[in-house]
PDB file of all heavy atoms in Angstrom:
ATOM      1  N   SER A   1     -12.930   4.668   2.005  1.00  0.00           N
ATOM      2  CA  SER A   1     -11.522   4.719   1.653  1.00  0.00           C
ATOM      3  C   SER A   1     -10.938   3.317   1.643  1.00  0.00           C
ATOM      4  O   SER A   1     -11.363   2.451   2.406  1.00  0.00           O
ATOM      5  CB  SER A   1     -10.743   5.596   2.636  1.00  0.00           C
ATOM      6  OG  SER A   1     -11.164   6.939   2.575  1.00  0.00           O
ATOM      7  N   CYS A   2      -9.948   3.108   0.800  1.00  0.00           N
ATOM      8  CA  CYS A   2      -9.259   1.826   0.712  1.00  0.00           C
ATOM      9  C   CYS A   2      -7.771   2.072   0.578  1.00  0.00           C
ATOM     10  O   CYS A   2      -7.339   2.803  -0.318  1.00  0.00           O
ATOM     11  CB  CYS A   2      -9.773   1.025  -0.481  1.00  0.00           C
ATOM     12  SG  CYS A   2      -8.917  -0.548  -0.747  1.00  0.00           S
ATOM     13  N   ALA A   3      -7.008   1.452   1.448  1.00  0.00           N
ATOM     14  CA  ALA A   3      -5.559   1.570   1.424  1.00  0.00           C
ATOM     15  C   ALA A   3      -4.932   0.242   1.019  1.00  0.00           C
ATOM     16  O   ALA A   3      -5.259  -0.805   1.589  1.00  0.00           O
ATOM     17  CB  ALA A   3      -5.039   2.002   2.787  1.00  0.00           C
ATOM     18  N   ALA A   4      -4.051   0.287   0.049  1.00  0.00           N
ATOM     19  CA  ALA A   4      -3.354  -0.903  -0.433  1.00  0.00           C
ATOM     20  C   ALA A   4      -1.922  -0.907   0.067  1.00  0.00           C
ATOM     21  O   ALA A   4      -1.256   0.129   0.084  1.00  0.00           O
ATOM     22  CB  ALA A   4      -3.372  -0.957  -1.960  1.00  0.00           C
ATOM     23  N   SER A   5      -1.451  -2.079   0.464  1.00  0.00           N
ATOM     24  CA  SER A   5      -0.078  -2.211   0.926  1.00  0.00           C
ATOM     25  C   SER A   5       0.447  -3.597   0.593  1.00  0.00           C
ATOM     26  O   SER A   5      -0.317  -4.515   0.279  1.00  0.00           O
ATOM     27  CB  SER A   5       0.024  -1.958   2.434  1.00  0.00           C
ATOM     28  OG  SER A   5      -0.720  -2.920   3.162  1.00  0.00           O
ATOM     29  N   GLY A   6       1.761  -3.760   0.676  1.00  0.00           N
ATOM     30  CA  GLY A   6       2.373  -5.065   0.493  1.00  0.00           C
ATOM     31  C   GLY A   6       2.930  -5.348  -0.886  1.00  0.00           C
ATOM     32  O   GLY A   6       3.458  -6.430  -1.120  1.00  0.00           O
ATOM     33  N   ARG A   7       2.833  -4.392  -1.788  1.00  0.00           N
ATOM     34  CA  ARG A   7       3.372  -4.586  -3.125  1.00  0.00           C
ATOM     35  C   ARG A   7       3.877  -3.265  -3.665  1.00  0.00           C
ATOM     36  O   ARG A   7       3.223  -2.236  -3.527  1.00  0.00           O
ATOM     37  CB  ARG A   7       2.338  -5.187  -4.070  1.00  0.00           C
ATOM     38  CG  ARG A   7       2.876  -5.436  -5.468  1.00  0.00           C
ATOM     39  CD  ARG A   7       1.994  -6.362  -6.257  1.00  0.00           C
ATOM     40  NE  ARG A   7       2.514  -6.585  -7.585  1.00  0.00           N
ATOM     41  CZ  ARG A   7       2.067  -7.497  -8.430  1.00  0.00           C
ATOM     42  NH1 ARG A   7       1.061  -8.298  -8.066  1.00  0.00           N
ATOM     43  NH2 ARG A   7       2.608  -7.625  -9.626  1.00  0.00           N
ATOM     44  N   THR A   8       5.032  -3.318  -4.307  1.00  0.00           N
ATOM     45  CA  THR A   8       5.615  -2.110  -4.866  1.00  0.00           C
ATOM     46  C   THR A   8       4.964  -1.754  -6.196  1.00  0.00           C
ATOM     47  O   THR A   8       4.452  -2.615  -6.915  1.00  0.00           O
ATOM     48  CB  THR A   8       7.127  -2.274  -5.053  1.00  0.00           C
ATOM     49  OG1 THR A   8       7.704  -1.035  -5.466  1.00  0.00           O
ATOM     50  CG2 THR A   8       7.422  -3.336  -6.107  1.00  0.00           C
ATOM     51  N   GLY A   9       4.984  -0.487  -6.498  1.00  0.00           N
ATOM     52  CA  GLY A   9       4.434  -0.020  -7.754  1.00  0.00           C
ATOM     53  C   GLY A   9       2.942   0.219  -7.691  1.00  0.00           C
ATOM     54  O   GLY A   9       2.250  -0.251  -6.790  1.00  0.00           O
ATOM     55  N   SER A  10       2.456   0.951  -8.672  1.00  0.00           N
ATOM     56  CA  SER A  10       1.040   1.283  -8.733  1.00  0.00           C
ATOM     57  C   SER A  10       0.245   0.133  -9.339  1.00  0.00           C
ATOM     58  O   SER A  10       0.732  -0.568 -10.228  1.00  0.00           O
ATOM     59  CB  SER A  10       0.828   2.546  -9.565  1.00  0.00           C
ATOM     60  OG  SER A  10       1.508   3.657  -9.013  1.00  0.00           O
ATOM     61  N   PRO A  11      -0.979  -0.049  -8.892  1.00  0.00           N
ATOM     62  CA  PRO A  11      -1.822  -1.078  -9.481  1.00  0.00           C
ATOM     63  C   PRO A  11      -2.277  -0.670 -10.877  1.00  0.00           C
ATOM     64  O   PRO A  11      -2.206   0.502 -11.246  1.00  0.00           O
ATOM     65  CB  PRO A  11      -3.014  -1.151  -8.521  1.00  0.00           C
ATOM     66  CG  PRO A  11      -3.089   0.228  -7.936  1.00  0.00           C
ATOM     67  CD  PRO A  11      -1.661   0.680  -7.809  1.00  0.00           C
ATOM     68  N   THR A  12      -2.724  -1.638 -11.635  1.00  0.00           N
ATOM     69  CA  THR A  12      -3.314  -1.338 -12.927  1.00  0.00           C
ATOM     70  C   THR A  12      -4.646  -0.619 -12.732  1.00  0.00           C
ATOM     71  O   THR A  12      -4.942   0.359 -13.421  1.00  0.00           O
ATOM     72  CB  THR A  12      -3.540  -2.622 -13.741  1.00  0.00           C
ATOM     73  OG1 THR A  12      -2.285  -3.295 -13.894  1.00  0.00           O
ATOM     74  CG2 THR A  12      -4.124  -2.312 -15.106  1.00  0.00           C
ATOM     75  N   ALA A  13      -5.430  -1.117 -11.788  1.00  0.00           N
ATOM     76  CA  ALA A  13      -6.722  -0.517 -11.496  1.00  0.00           C
ATOM     77  C   ALA A  13      -7.168  -0.894 -10.096  1.00  0.00           C
ATOM     78  O   ALA A  13      -6.762  -1.929  -9.557  1.00  0.00           O
ATOM     79  CB  ALA A  13      -7.775  -0.974 -12.513  1.00  0.00           C
ATOM     80  N   MET A  14      -7.992  -0.060  -9.527  1.00  0.00           N
ATOM     81  CA  MET A  14      -8.662  -0.368  -8.275  1.00  0.00           C
ATOM     82  C   MET A  14     -10.135  -0.024  -8.428  1.00  0.00           C
ATOM     83  O   MET A  14     -10.491   0.887  -9.183  1.00  0.00           O
ATOM     84  CB  MET A  14      -8.057   0.395  -7.099  1.00  0.00           C
ATOM     85  CG  MET A  14      -6.633  -0.034  -6.770  1.00  0.00           C
ATOM     86  SD  MET A  14      -5.939   0.809  -5.314  1.00  0.00           S
ATOM     87  CE  MET A  14      -6.930   0.079  -3.993  1.00  0.00           C
ATOM     88  N   GLY A  15     -10.966  -0.759  -7.719  1.00  0.00           N
ATOM     89  CA  GLY A  15     -12.392  -0.544  -7.852  1.00  0.00           C
ATOM     90  C   GLY A  15     -13.159  -0.863  -6.589  1.00  0.00           C
ATOM     91  O   GLY A  15     -12.614  -1.396  -5.614  1.00  0.00           O
ATOM     92  N   TRP A  16     -14.420  -0.513  -6.624  1.00  0.00           N
ATOM     93  CA  TRP A  16     -15.349  -0.807  -5.553  1.00  0.00           C
ATOM     94  C   TRP A  16     -16.471  -1.676  -6.086  1.00  0.00           C
ATOM     95  O   TRP A  16     -17.099  -1.345  -7.086  1.00  0.00           O
ATOM     96  CB  TRP A  16     -15.943   0.471  -4.962  1.00  0.00           C
ATOM     97  CG  TRP A  16     -14.971   1.270  -4.157  1.00  0.00           C
ATOM     98  CD1 TRP A  16     -14.205   2.315  -4.574  1.00  0.00           C
ATOM     99  CD2 TRP A  16     -14.669   1.082  -2.772  1.00  0.00           C
ATOM    100  NE1 TRP A  16     -13.446   2.795  -3.542  1.00  0.00           N
ATOM    101  CE2 TRP A  16     -13.715   2.052  -2.417  1.00  0.00           C
ATOM    102  CE3 TRP A  16     -15.118   0.194  -1.799  1.00  0.00           C
ATOM    103  CZ2 TRP A  16     -13.195   2.152  -1.132  1.00  0.00           C
ATOM    104  CZ3 TRP A  16     -14.602   0.292  -0.519  1.00  0.00           C
ATOM    105  CH2 TRP A  16     -13.652   1.263  -0.199  1.00  0.00           C
ATOM    106  N   PHE A  17     -16.707  -2.792  -5.415  1.00  0.00           N
ATOM    107  CA  PHE A  17     -17.832  -3.666  -5.681  1.00  0.00           C
ATOM    108  C   PHE A  17     -18.764  -3.639  -4.484  1.00  0.00           C
ATOM    109  O   PHE A  17     -18.373  -3.251  -3.389  1.00  0.00           O
ATOM    110  CB  PHE A  17     -17.364  -5.104  -5.928  1.00  0.00           C
ATOM    111  CG  PHE A  17     -16.646  -5.311  -7.230  1.00  0.00           C
ATOM    112  CD1 PHE A  17     -15.330  -4.897  -7.389  1.00  0.00           C
ATOM    113  CD2 PHE A  17     -17.272  -5.932  -8.297  1.00  0.00           C
ATOM    114  CE1 PHE A  17     -14.656  -5.091  -8.585  1.00  0.00           C
ATOM    115  CE2 PHE A  17     -16.612  -6.138  -9.496  1.00  0.00           C
ATOM    116  CZ  PHE A  17     -15.309  -5.715  -9.639  1.00  0.00           C
ATOM    117  N   ARG A  18     -19.988  -4.077  -4.694  1.00  0.00           N
ATOM    118  CA  ARG A  18     -20.905  -4.203  -3.575  1.00  0.00           C
ATOM    119  C   ARG A  18     -21.775  -5.436  -3.753  1.00  0.00           C
ATOM    120  O   ARG A  18     -21.997  -5.907  -4.866  1.00  0.00           O
ATOM    121  CB  ARG A  18     -21.775  -2.958  -3.413  1.00  0.00           C
ATOM    122  CG  ARG A  18     -22.796  -2.736  -4.530  1.00  0.00           C
ATOM    123  CD  ARG A  18     -23.528  -1.423  -4.322  1.00  0.00           C
ATOM    124  NE  ARG A  18     -24.523  -1.173  -5.360  1.00  0.00           N
ATOM    125  CZ  ARG A  18     -25.206  -0.036  -5.471  1.00  0.00           C
ATOM    126  NH1 ARG A  18     -25.011   0.951  -4.610  1.00  0.00           N
ATOM    127  NH2 ARG A  18     -26.100   0.100  -6.449  1.00  0.00           N
ATOM    128  N   GLN A  19     -22.257  -5.940  -2.631  1.00  0.00           N
ATOM    129  CA  GLN A  19     -23.143  -7.089  -2.647  1.00  0.00           C
ATOM    130  C   GLN A  19     -24.226  -6.898  -1.594  1.00  0.00           C
ATOM    131  O   GLN A  19     -23.933  -6.854  -0.398  1.00  0.00           O
ATOM    132  CB  GLN A  19     -22.383  -8.385  -2.392  1.00  0.00           C
ATOM    133  CG  GLN A  19     -23.221  -9.631  -2.559  1.00  0.00           C
ATOM    134  CD  GLN A  19     -22.385 -10.895  -2.638  1.00  0.00           C
ATOM    135  OE1 GLN A  19     -21.225 -10.900  -2.230  1.00  0.00           O
ATOM    136  NE2 GLN A  19     -22.959 -11.950  -3.165  1.00  0.00           N
ATOM    137  N   GLY A  20     -25.454  -6.759  -2.050  1.00  0.00           N
ATOM    138  CA  GLY A  20     -26.591  -6.648  -1.161  1.00  0.00           C
ATOM    139  C   GLY A  20     -27.163  -8.013  -0.838  1.00  0.00           C
ATOM    140  O   GLY A  20     -26.794  -9.017  -1.449  1.00  0.00           O
ATOM    141  N   PRO A  21     -28.071  -8.082   0.126  1.00  0.00           N
ATOM    142  CA  PRO A  21     -28.679  -9.356   0.518  1.00  0.00           C
ATOM    143  C   PRO A  21     -29.355 -10.048  -0.663  1.00  0.00           C
ATOM    144  O   PRO A  21     -30.199  -9.454  -1.331  1.00  0.00           O
ATOM    145  CB  PRO A  21     -29.701  -8.947   1.579  1.00  0.00           C
ATOM    146  CG  PRO A  21     -29.198  -7.636   2.099  1.00  0.00           C
ATOM    147  CD  PRO A  21     -28.589  -6.955   0.913  1.00  0.00           C
ATOM    148  N   GLY A  22     -28.981 -11.293  -0.916  1.00  0.00           N
ATOM    149  CA  GLY A  22     -29.585 -12.064  -1.985  1.00  0.00           C
ATOM    150  C   GLY A  22     -29.224 -11.623  -3.382  1.00  0.00           C
ATOM    151  O   GLY A  22     -29.844 -12.083  -4.347  1.00  0.00           O
ATOM    152  N   LYS A  23     -28.249 -10.748  -3.520  1.00  0.00           N
ATOM    153  CA  LYS A  23     -27.852 -10.249  -4.829  1.00  0.00           C
ATOM    154  C   LYS A  23     -26.416 -10.657  -5.164  1.00  0.00           C
ATOM    155  O   LYS A  23     -25.628 -10.990  -4.284  1.00  0.00           O
ATOM    156  CB  LYS A  23     -27.974  -8.728  -4.879  1.00  0.00           C
ATOM    157  CG  LYS A  23     -29.386  -8.206  -4.688  1.00  0.00           C
ATOM    158  CD  LYS A  23     -29.432  -6.693  -4.813  1.00  0.00           C
ATOM    159  CE  LYS A  23     -30.844  -6.168  -4.674  1.00  0.00           C
ATOM    160  NZ  LYS A  23     -30.886  -4.690  -4.814  1.00  0.00           N
ATOM    161  N   GLU A  24     -26.114 -10.614  -6.445  1.00  0.00           N
ATOM    162  CA  GLU A  24     -24.760 -10.922  -6.875  1.00  0.00           C
ATOM    163  C   GLU A  24     -23.849  -9.721  -6.672  1.00  0.00           C
ATOM    164  O   GLU A  24     -24.300  -8.573  -6.595  1.00  0.00           O
ATOM    165  CB  GLU A  24     -24.750 -11.352  -8.348  1.00  0.00           C
ATOM    166  CG  GLU A  24     -25.168 -10.259  -9.309  1.00  0.00           C
ATOM    167  CD  GLU A  24     -25.171 -10.718 -10.750  1.00  0.00           C
ATOM    168  OE1 GLU A  24     -25.075 -11.935 -10.993  1.00  0.00           O
ATOM    169  OE2 GLU A  24     -25.260  -9.859 -11.652  1.00  0.00           O
ATOM    170  N   ARG A  25     -22.575  -9.995  -6.595  1.00  0.00           N
ATOM    171  CA  ARG A  25     -21.594  -8.937  -6.473  1.00  0.00           C
ATOM    172  C   ARG A  25     -21.549  -8.121  -7.760  1.00  0.00           C
ATOM    173  O   ARG A  25     -21.497  -8.682  -8.854  1.00  0.00           O
ATOM    174  CB  ARG A  25     -20.224  -9.546  -6.169  1.00  0.00           C
ATOM    175  CG  ARG A  25     -19.107  -8.559  -5.943  1.00  0.00           C
ATOM    176  CD  ARG A  25     -17.856  -9.284  -5.482  1.00  0.00           C
ATOM    177  NE  ARG A  25     -17.572 -10.429  -6.332  1.00  0.00           N
ATOM    178  CZ  ARG A  25     -16.606 -11.310  -6.111  1.00  0.00           C
ATOM    179  NH1 ARG A  25     -15.832 -11.184  -5.041  1.00  0.00           N
ATOM    180  NH2 ARG A  25     -16.426 -12.330  -6.935  1.00  0.00           N
ATOM    181  N   GLU A  26     -21.571  -6.810  -7.636  1.00  0.00           N
ATOM    182  CA  GLU A  26     -21.586  -5.959  -8.807  1.00  0.00           C
ATOM    183  C   GLU A  26     -20.572  -4.832  -8.671  1.00  0.00           C
ATOM    184  O   GLU A  26     -20.282  -4.355  -7.573  1.00  0.00           O
ATOM    185  CB  GLU A  26     -22.977  -5.368  -9.033  1.00  0.00           C
ATOM    186  CG  GLU A  26     -23.442  -4.435  -7.935  1.00  0.00           C
ATOM    187  CD  GLU A  26     -24.771  -3.766  -8.242  1.00  0.00           C
ATOM    188  OE1 GLU A  26     -25.270  -3.912  -9.378  1.00  0.00           O
ATOM    189  OE2 GLU A  26     -25.319  -3.093  -7.344  1.00  0.00           O
ATOM    190  N   LEU A  27     -20.064  -4.416  -9.808  1.00  0.00           N
ATOM    191  CA  LEU A  27     -19.118  -3.312  -9.831  1.00  0.00           C
ATOM    192  C   LEU A  27     -19.850  -1.993  -9.639  1.00  0.00           C
ATOM    193  O   LEU A  27     -20.833  -1.708 -10.323  1.00  0.00           O
ATOM    194  CB  LEU A  27     -18.362  -3.285 -11.157  1.00  0.00           C
ATOM    195  CG  LEU A  27     -17.367  -2.136 -11.340  1.00  0.00           C
ATOM    196  CD1 LEU A  27     -16.199  -2.262 -10.357  1.00  0.00           C
ATOM    197  CD2 LEU A  27     -16.853  -2.094 -12.774  1.00  0.00           C
ATOM    198  N   VAL A  28     -19.363  -1.196  -8.720  1.00  0.00           N
ATOM    199  CA  VAL A  28     -19.899   0.138  -8.485  1.00  0.00           C
ATOM    200  C   VAL A  28     -19.115   1.173  -9.284  1.00  0.00           C
ATOM    201  O   VAL A  28     -19.683   2.004  -9.989  1.00  0.00           O
ATOM    202  CB  VAL A  28     -19.871   0.496  -6.987  1.00  0.00           C
ATOM    203  CG1 VAL A  28     -20.385   1.910  -6.760  1.00  0.00           C
ATOM    204  CG2 VAL A  28     -20.692  -0.507  -6.192  1.00  0.00           C
ATOM    205  N   ALA A  29     -17.802   1.117  -9.164  1.00  0.00           N
ATOM    206  CA  ALA A  29     -16.925   2.033  -9.878  1.00  0.00           C
ATOM    207  C   ALA A  29     -15.508   1.489  -9.875  1.00  0.00           C
ATOM    208  O   ALA A  29     -15.134   0.733  -8.981  1.00  0.00           O
ATOM    209  CB  ALA A  29     -16.951   3.429  -9.248  1.00  0.00           C
ATOM    210  N   ARG A  30     -14.722   1.871 -10.873  1.00  0.00           N
ATOM    211  CA  ARG A  30     -13.320   1.508 -10.894  1.00  0.00           C
ATOM    212  C   ARG A  30     -12.520   2.615 -11.562  1.00  0.00           C
ATOM    213  O   ARG A  30     -13.063   3.417 -12.314  1.00  0.00           O
ATOM    214  CB  ARG A  30     -13.093   0.158 -11.593  1.00  0.00           C
ATOM    215  CG  ARG A  30     -13.282   0.207 -13.110  1.00  0.00           C
ATOM    216  CD  ARG A  30     -11.929   0.236 -13.826  1.00  0.00           C
ATOM    217  NE  ARG A  30     -12.129   0.213 -15.275  1.00  0.00           N
ATOM    218  CZ  ARG A  30     -12.230   1.294 -16.051  1.00  0.00           C
ATOM    219  NH1 ARG A  30     -12.127   2.511 -15.514  1.00  0.00           N
ATOM    220  NH2 ARG A  30     -12.419   1.170 -17.348  1.00  0.00           N
ATOM    221  N   ILE A  31     -11.239   2.654 -11.285  1.00  0.00           N
ATOM    222  CA  ILE A  31     -10.388   3.672 -11.866  1.00  0.00           C
ATOM    223  C   ILE A  31      -9.076   3.054 -12.321  1.00  0.00           C
ATOM    224  O   ILE A  31      -8.467   2.267 -11.596  1.00  0.00           O
ATOM    225  CB  ILE A  31     -10.153   4.839 -10.874  1.00  0.00           C
ATOM    226  CG1 ILE A  31      -9.415   5.987 -11.549  1.00  0.00           C
ATOM    227  CG2 ILE A  31      -9.422   4.374  -9.617  1.00  0.00           C
ATOM    228  CD1 ILE A  31      -9.491   7.290 -10.760  1.00  0.00           C
ATOM    229  N   ARG A  32      -8.670   3.379 -13.517  1.00  0.00           N
ATOM    230  CA  ARG A  32      -7.368   2.964 -14.036  1.00  0.00           C
ATOM    231  C   ARG A  32      -6.304   3.918 -13.511  1.00  0.00           C
ATOM    232  O   ARG A  32      -6.506   5.132 -13.497  1.00  0.00           O
ATOM    233  CB  ARG A  32      -7.355   2.971 -15.560  1.00  0.00           C
ATOM    234  CG  ARG A  32      -8.150   1.847 -16.209  1.00  0.00           C
ATOM    235  CD  ARG A  32      -8.018   1.910 -17.725  1.00  0.00           C
ATOM    236  NE  ARG A  32      -8.593   0.745 -18.367  1.00  0.00           N
ATOM    237  CZ  ARG A  32      -7.941  -0.386 -18.589  1.00  0.00           C
ATOM    238  NH1 ARG A  32      -6.673  -0.511 -18.216  1.00  0.00           N
ATOM    239  NH2 ARG A  32      -8.546  -1.400 -19.179  1.00  0.00           N
ATOM    240  N   TRP A  33      -5.178   3.346 -13.074  1.00  0.00           N
ATOM    241  CA  TRP A  33      -4.191   4.175 -12.404  1.00  0.00           C
ATOM    242  C   TRP A  33      -3.444   5.110 -13.330  1.00  0.00           C
ATOM    243  O   TRP A  33      -3.283   6.291 -13.035  1.00  0.00           O
ATOM    244  CB  TRP A  33      -3.210   3.297 -11.622  1.00  0.00           C
ATOM    245  CG  TRP A  33      -3.052   3.796 -10.235  1.00  0.00           C
ATOM    246  CD1 TRP A  33      -2.002   4.468  -9.716  1.00  0.00           C
ATOM    247  CD2 TRP A  33      -4.028   3.685  -9.196  1.00  0.00           C
ATOM    248  NE1 TRP A  33      -2.241   4.788  -8.418  1.00  0.00           N
ATOM    249  CE2 TRP A  33      -3.482   4.314  -8.060  1.00  0.00           C
ATOM    250  CE3 TRP A  33      -5.300   3.110  -9.115  1.00  0.00           C
ATOM    251  CZ2 TRP A  33      -4.171   4.395  -6.854  1.00  0.00           C
ATOM    252  CZ3 TRP A  33      -5.982   3.194  -7.910  1.00  0.00           C
ATOM    253  CH2 TRP A  33      -5.414   3.824  -6.808  1.00  0.00           C
ATOM    254  N   SER A  34      -2.968   4.601 -14.435  1.00  0.00           N
ATOM    255  CA  SER A  34      -2.122   5.410 -15.311  1.00  0.00           C
ATOM    256  C   SER A  34      -2.872   6.585 -15.928  1.00  0.00           C
ATOM    257  O   SER A  34      -2.370   7.711 -15.948  1.00  0.00           O
ATOM    258  CB  SER A  34      -1.529   4.542 -16.419  1.00  0.00           C
ATOM    259  OG  SER A  34      -0.640   3.582 -15.889  1.00  0.00           O
TER     260      SER A  34
END
């Protein structure tokens, strides 16, 4: 779970990235808000 705070209004998008040992950061999933 991820909770966002500190800014009014909905984000354009939120997503999950991951980074394993010795690997580059990669997108796992994202969702557009609207």
